């Protein structure tokens, strides 16, 4: 990976006016709103895993596709092809930056929720970390599809938003999964966002995630990653 490209992408990422509010501030707001509501019982893993799910969904579906499509729209990738820096270096840097942002967002949610709102911290630390890595791979792989094909940032963002809305619904972001109709819960289990939240909630509580859920996330990662790689347009 080209270090200069990575540093440049880091600077650009944190200068974007919508990046930090979407990726970090909104999940924290969700924690605050629901965390201060009166509860009849102890706080569970549902709320912090909801906030972590929002972090990954916003980065993978709403921010990553538009960022990559912007470079294509502006001809950056085409111009990079004429330099010693290969265009794939930019793609690698983008994935590294957004992956690091996902990690920071998860840490913010865990620390903020535990210290200020007395939310439960992950009991199964190893499984929780593994689920964050696998969930990030699955969600980002799906987010790479509009980034691979869209001709403009506006189109990529629109497609990413179209992926985000139903994914969030079936993952129980808007309405708790227990209150969704049976068919909706079934669909949610097969989406990368729904499978991730299911596995993360289990790991957070100290349980071993269902192997079938892990297989679903691996399948999304492999299939979407391969399709995005084979169809990615550099110009």
Protein backbone atom coordinates (compact mmCIF):
# COMPACT_ATOMS: atom_id res chain seq x y z
CA UNK A 1 0.00 0.00 0.00
CA UNK A 2 1.29 3.45 -0.92
CA UNK A 3 1.86 5.43 2.31
CA UNK A 4 1.55 8.86 0.65
CA UNK A 5 -1.81 7.96 -0.87
CA UNK A 6 -3.02 6.61 2.48
CA UNK A 7 -2.06 9.79 4.33
CA UNK A 8 -3.75 11.94 1.69
CA UNK A 9 -6.95 9.90 1.90
CA UNK A 10 -6.95 10.18 5.69
CA UNK A 11 -6.76 13.97 5.45
CA UNK A 12 -9.55 14.11 2.88
CA UNK A 13 -11.74 11.77 4.93
CA UNK A 14 -11.64 13.87 8.07
CA UNK A 15 -12.11 17.14 6.18
CA UNK A 16 -15.45 16.05 4.73
CA UNK A 17 -18.23 17.95 6.54
CA UNK A 18 -20.64 15.00 6.69
CA UNK A 19 -18.21 12.21 7.55
CA UNK A 20 -17.85 12.60 11.28
CA UNK A 21 -21.52 13.45 12.02
CA UNK A 22 -22.79 10.47 10.01
CA UNK A 23 -20.25 7.90 11.10
CA UNK A 24 -19.78 8.80 14.74
CA UNK A 25 -22.12 11.49 16.07
CA UNK A 26 -25.43 9.95 14.99
CA UNK A 27 -24.80 6.54 16.61
CA UNK A 28 -23.84 8.34 19.82
CA UNK A 29 -27.04 10.37 19.64
CA UNK A 30 -28.99 7.12 19.30
CA UNK A 31 -27.25 5.81 22.40
CA UNK A 32 -28.09 8.95 24.34
CA UNK A 33 -31.74 9.06 23.30
CA UNK A 34 -32.48 5.44 24.09
CA UNK A 35 -30.01 5.16 26.92
CA UNK A 36 -31.67 7.82 29.06
CA UNK A 37 -35.17 6.44 28.59
CA UNK A 38 -36.55 4.74 31.72
CA UNK A 39 -36.24 0.96 31.70
CA UNK A 40 -37.82 -1.71 33.87
CA UNK A 41 -34.81 -3.98 33.69
CA UNK A 42 -31.04 -3.92 33.19
CA UNK A 43 -29.66 -2.53 29.97
CA UNK A 44 -28.95 -5.23 27.39
CA UNK A 45 -26.62 -5.57 24.42
CA UNK A 46 -29.38 -4.54 21.99
CA UNK A 47 -28.66 -0.82 22.18
CA UNK A 48 -24.86 -0.76 21.80
CA UNK A 49 -25.04 -3.31 18.97
CA UNK A 50 -27.64 -1.11 17.28
CA UNK A 51 -25.24 1.83 17.43
CA UNK A 52 -22.33 -0.25 16.10
CA UNK A 53 -24.55 -1.51 13.27
CA UNK A 54 -25.35 2.10 12.35
CA UNK A 55 -21.65 2.98 12.25
CA UNK A 56 -20.83 0.24 9.76
CA UNK A 57 -23.97 0.80 7.67
CA UNK A 58 -23.34 4.52 7.26
CA UNK A 59 -19.71 4.06 6.36
CA UNK A 60 -20.28 1.13 4.01
CA UNK A 61 -23.52 2.17 2.31
CA UNK A 62 -23.62 5.98 2.48
CA UNK A 63 -20.03 7.23 2.48
CA UNK A 64 -17.75 4.68 0.78
CA UNK A 65 -19.65 4.39 -2.54
CA UNK A 66 -19.85 8.15 -3.07
CA UNK A 67 -16.19 8.69 -2.24
CA UNK A 68 -14.93 6.18 -4.80
CA UNK A 69 -17.40 7.30 -7.48
CA UNK A 70 -16.25 10.89 -6.99
CA UNK A 71 -12.74 9.96 -8.05
CA UNK A 72 -14.07 8.21 -11.14
CA UNK A 73 -16.35 11.14 -12.00
CA UNK A 74 -13.51 13.65 -11.68
CA UNK A 75 -11.07 11.53 -13.68
CA UNK A 76 -8.69 11.04 -10.77
CA UNK A 77 -8.32 7.31 -11.42
CA UNK A 78 -7.68 7.86 -15.11
CA UNK A 79 -4.95 10.40 -14.37
CA UNK A 80 -3.39 8.15 -11.74
CA UNK A 81 -3.02 5.45 -14.39
CA UNK A 82 -0.42 7.66 -16.13
CA UNK A 83 1.69 7.96 -12.97
CA UNK A 84 3.89 5.43 -11.13
CA UNK A 85 1.08 5.11 -8.55
CA UNK A 86 -1.35 2.42 -9.67
CA UNK A 87 -5.06 3.26 -9.39
CA UNK A 88 -5.55 0.24 -7.12
CA UNK A 89 -3.42 2.05 -4.52
CA UNK A 90 -6.26 4.53 -4.13
CA UNK A 91 -8.80 1.74 -3.70
CA UNK A 92 -6.61 0.07 -1.08
CA UNK A 93 -6.18 3.35 0.77
CA UNK A 94 -9.93 4.03 0.72
CA UNK A 95 -10.71 0.62 2.19
CA UNK A 96 -8.03 1.05 4.85
CA UNK A 97 -9.30 4.50 5.82
CA UNK A 98 -12.93 3.44 6.06
CA UNK A 99 -11.98 0.26 7.88
CA UNK A 100 -10.04 2.31 10.43
CA UNK A 101 -13.00 4.67 10.75
CA UNK A 102 -15.25 1.70 11.48
CA UNK A 103 -12.90 0.60 14.26
CA UNK A 104 -12.82 4.10 15.76
CA UNK A 105 -16.62 4.30 15.59
CA UNK A 106 -16.99 0.99 17.44
CA UNK A 107 -14.57 2.12 20.16
CA UNK A 108 -16.46 5.41 20.55
CA UNK A 109 -19.76 3.55 20.97
CA UNK A 110 -18.34 1.08 23.51
CA UNK A 111 -16.56 3.70 25.63
CA UNK A 112 -19.30 6.32 25.49
CA UNK A 113 -22.04 3.81 26.23
CA UNK A 114 -20.18 2.12 29.08
CA UNK A 115 -18.83 5.22 30.83
CA UNK A 116 -21.70 7.67 30.49
CA UNK A 117 -24.76 5.48 30.01
CA UNK A 118 -23.74 2.34 31.91
CA UNK A 119 -24.31 0.18 28.85
CA UNK A 120 -22.90 -3.36 28.98
CA UNK A 121 -19.45 -3.82 27.50
CA UNK A 122 -18.76 -6.88 25.33
CA UNK A 123 -18.46 -10.03 27.41
CA UNK A 124 -17.00 -12.12 24.60
CA UNK A 125 -14.25 -9.75 23.51
CA UNK A 126 -12.62 -12.10 21.00
CA UNK A 127 -15.84 -13.06 19.28
CA UNK A 128 -17.03 -9.46 19.30
CA UNK A 129 -13.83 -8.25 17.61
CA UNK A 130 -14.08 -11.05 15.06
CA UNK A 131 -17.70 -10.16 14.29
CA UNK A 132 -16.80 -6.49 13.78
CA UNK A 133 -14.09 -7.49 11.30
CA UNK A 134 -16.31 -9.95 9.45
CA UNK A 135 -19.31 -7.61 9.49
CA UNK A 136 -17.20 -4.76 8.14
CA UNK A 137 -15.98 -6.98 5.31
CA UNK A 138 -19.52 -8.10 4.40
CA UNK A 139 -21.11 -4.63 4.56
CA UNK A 140 -18.25 -2.89 2.76
CA UNK A 141 -18.23 -5.57 0.05
CA UNK A 142 -21.88 -4.84 -0.69
CA UNK A 143 -21.18 -1.10 -0.58
CA UNK A 144 -18.43 -1.56 -3.16
CA UNK A 145 -20.95 -2.66 -5.80
CA UNK A 146 -22.40 0.84 -6.45
CA UNK A 147 -18.88 2.23 -6.09
CA UNK A 148 -17.68 -0.18 -8.79
CA UNK A 149 -20.30 0.75 -11.39
CA UNK A 150 -21.76 4.22 -10.71
CA UNK A 151 -20.69 6.94 -13.13
CA UNK A 152 -21.15 9.77 -10.63
CA UNK A 153 -20.99 10.38 -6.90
CA UNK A 154 -24.67 11.30 -6.89
CA UNK A 155 -25.65 8.00 -8.48
CA UNK A 156 -23.43 5.98 -6.13
CA UNK A 157 -24.81 7.75 -3.09
CA UNK A 158 -28.36 7.17 -4.30
CA UNK A 159 -27.80 3.46 -4.80
CA UNK A 160 -26.02 3.25 -1.45
CA UNK A 161 -28.99 4.91 0.23
CA UNK A 162 -31.31 2.47 -1.52
CA UNK A 163 -29.25 -0.38 -0.06
CA UNK A 164 -29.14 1.21 3.38
CA UNK A 165 -32.87 1.77 3.93
CA UNK A 166 -34.18 -1.79 3.48
CA UNK A 167 -31.06 -3.28 5.07
CA UNK A 168 -31.56 -1.16 8.19
CA UNK A 169 -35.25 -2.05 8.33
CA UNK A 170 -34.71 -5.81 8.12
CA UNK A 171 -31.84 -5.57 10.62
CA UNK A 172 -34.22 -4.10 13.21
CA UNK A 173 -32.71 -0.61 13.23
CA UNK A 174 -36.01 1.26 12.95
CA UNK A 175 -38.25 -1.27 14.66
CA UNK A 176 -36.93 -3.90 17.09
CA UNK A 177 -36.54 -7.24 15.35
CA UNK A 178 -38.89 -8.90 17.84
CA UNK A 179 -41.69 -6.59 16.67
CA UNK A 180 -41.18 -7.27 12.97
CA UNK A 181 -43.41 -9.75 11.11
CA UNK A 182 -42.01 -13.26 10.83
CA UNK A 183 -41.20 -12.93 7.11
CA UNK A 184 -39.28 -9.70 7.77
CA UNK A 185 -37.21 -11.33 10.50
CA UNK A 186 -36.44 -14.22 8.15
CA UNK A 187 -35.32 -11.85 5.40
CA UNK A 188 -33.19 -9.90 7.85
CA UNK A 189 -31.22 -12.99 8.81
CA UNK A 190 -29.97 -13.30 5.24
CA UNK A 191 -28.87 -9.68 4.78
CA UNK A 192 -25.30 -8.70 5.70
CA UNK A 193 -26.53 -6.03 8.11
CA UNK A 194 -29.08 -8.30 9.78
CA UNK A 195 -26.67 -11.22 10.02
CA UNK A 196 -24.02 -8.92 11.46
CA UNK A 197 -26.28 -7.52 14.16
CA UNK A 198 -27.48 -10.99 15.10
CA UNK A 199 -23.93 -12.32 15.40
CA UNK A 200 -22.69 -9.19 17.18
CA UNK A 201 -25.47 -9.31 19.78
CA UNK A 202 -24.65 -12.94 20.55
CA UNK A 203 -20.92 -12.24 20.83
CA UNK A 204 -21.51 -9.09 22.89
CA UNK A 205 -23.46 -11.14 25.45
CA UNK A 206 -20.76 -13.79 25.68
CA UNK A 207 -22.41 -16.37 23.43
CA UNK A 208 -20.97 -18.06 20.35
CA UNK A 209 -22.63 -16.73 17.16
CA UNK A 210 -24.66 -19.15 15.08
CA UNK A 211 -22.38 -20.73 12.42
CA UNK A 212 -25.08 -20.22 9.77
CA UNK A 213 -25.00 -16.47 10.43
CA UNK A 214 -21.23 -16.44 10.04
CA UNK A 215 -21.56 -18.36 6.77
CA UNK A 216 -24.02 -15.75 5.49
CA UNK A 217 -21.57 -12.91 6.17
CA UNK A 218 -18.71 -14.83 4.56
CA UNK A 219 -20.88 -15.50 1.49
CA UNK A 220 -21.76 -11.81 1.12
CA UNK A 221 -18.10 -10.87 1.48
CA UNK A 222 -16.86 -13.34 -1.12
CA UNK A 223 -19.63 -12.89 -3.70
CA UNK A 224 -19.90 -9.09 -3.54
CA UNK A 225 -16.15 -8.67 -3.27
CA UNK A 226 -15.51 -10.77 -6.36
CA UNK A 227 -18.29 -9.07 -8.37
CA UNK A 228 -17.05 -5.60 -7.39
CA UNK A 229 -13.46 -6.50 -8.26
CA UNK A 230 -14.41 -7.92 -11.68
CA UNK A 231 -16.71 -5.04 -12.61
CA UNK A 232 -14.85 -2.09 -11.09
CA UNK A 233 -14.52 0.72 -13.62
CA UNK A 234 -11.48 2.90 -13.29
CA UNK A 235 -12.90 5.58 -15.62
